[in-house]
Amino acid sequence: MDTPQTPICSAKGCRAEAGWVLVWNNPKLHTPDRRKTWLACDEHREHLSQFLGVRGFLKEVVAFADWTPEAAGATGEPA
């Protein structure tokens, strides 16, 4: 039986549980429909969102509990 893994924040050095999925796309590297994901804890949500936002990469921020790859058009699991 597989045990579910706790989602961990993508911020460097952070090991906190993630509560948010930041859905993004780098148009110079990815096709328009491709979606990448970062996970964020409450503390790092704004910082990671700003990092992606100033580059024009951020597409949406979704609560982890509400996120599905299909709804976001994302490929793969959050990373």
Protein backbone atom coordinates (compact mmCIF):
# COMPACT_ATOMS: atom_id res chain seq x y z
CA MET A 1 0.00 0.00 0.00
CA ASP A 2 1.39 3.41 -0.98
CA THR A 3 1.38 6.16 1.61
CA PRO A 4 0.71 9.68 0.33
CA GLN A 5 3.69 12.01 0.49
CA THR A 6 3.42 15.37 2.19
CA PRO A 7 3.84 18.17 -0.37
CA ILE A 8 6.99 20.20 0.41
CA CYS A 9 7.59 23.86 -0.44
CA SER A 10 9.80 24.46 -3.51
CA ALA A 11 11.65 27.42 -1.92
CA LYS A 12 15.35 26.72 -1.52
CA GLY A 13 16.07 25.16 1.86
CA CYS A 14 12.43 25.12 2.97
CA ARG A 15 11.03 21.84 4.25
CA ALA A 16 7.61 23.19 5.27
CA GLU A 17 4.40 21.61 4.07
CA ALA A 18 3.12 23.27 0.91
CA GLY A 19 -0.39 24.67 0.84
CA TRP A 20 -0.21 26.31 -2.60
CA VAL A 21 0.50 25.35 -6.20
CA LEU A 22 2.03 28.04 -8.42
CA VAL A 23 1.26 27.22 -12.04
CA TRP A 24 3.68 28.76 -14.53
CA ASN A 25 5.05 28.67 -18.05
CA ASN A 26 8.22 30.10 -19.62
CA PRO A 27 7.10 31.07 -23.13
CA LYS A 28 10.70 31.04 -24.40
CA LEU A 29 11.03 27.35 -23.48
CA HIS A 30 7.53 25.88 -23.33
CA THR A 31 4.60 25.61 -25.71
CA PRO A 32 1.65 27.84 -24.70
CA ASP A 33 -0.35 24.92 -23.30
CA ARG A 34 2.50 23.54 -21.15
CA ARG A 35 2.23 24.19 -17.43
CA LYS A 36 4.94 23.71 -14.83
CA THR A 37 4.32 23.82 -11.09
CA TRP A 38 6.08 24.92 -7.95
CA LEU A 39 4.77 24.25 -4.47
CA ALA A 40 4.74 26.93 -1.79
CA CYS A 41 4.14 27.14 1.92
CA ASP A 42 2.27 30.15 3.32
CA GLU A 43 5.58 31.89 4.15
CA HIS A 44 7.03 31.60 0.63
CA ARG A 45 3.88 31.92 -1.49
CA GLU A 46 4.27 35.66 -2.10
CA HIS A 47 8.03 35.53 -2.73
CA LEU A 48 7.80 32.68 -5.25
CA SER A 49 4.76 34.30 -6.91
CA GLN A 50 6.65 37.57 -7.31
CA PHE A 51 9.71 35.77 -8.72
CA LEU A 52 7.59 34.15 -11.41
CA GLY A 53 5.34 37.18 -11.89
CA VAL A 54 8.06 39.73 -12.69
CA ARG A 55 9.26 37.39 -15.43
CA GLY A 56 5.75 37.02 -16.84
CA PHE A 57 5.72 33.28 -16.09
CA LEU A 58 3.02 33.02 -13.40
CA LYS A 59 -0.33 31.78 -14.71
CA GLU A 60 -2.24 31.10 -11.49
CA VAL A 61 -1.96 30.26 -7.80
CA VAL A 62 -4.22 27.49 -6.52
CA ALA A 63 -4.70 26.05 -3.04
CA PHE A 64 -3.05 22.63 -2.97
CA ALA A 65 -6.30 21.06 -1.75
CA ASP A 66 -8.11 22.40 -4.84
CA TRP A 67 -5.40 21.70 -7.43
CA THR A 68 -5.65 19.06 -10.14
CA PRO A 69 -3.33 18.79 -13.15
CA GLU A 70 -6.37 18.60 -15.45
CA ALA A 71 -7.99 21.78 -14.13
CA ALA A 72 -4.76 23.77 -14.45
CA GLY A 73 -3.78 22.27 -17.78
CA ALA A 74 -0.59 21.15 -16.04
CA THR A 75 1.53 18.23 -17.08
CA GLY A 76 2.79 15.88 -14.40
CA GLU A 77 2.86 16.22 -10.67
CA PRO A 78 3.66 19.38 -8.73
CA ALA A 79 7.39 19.79 -8.34
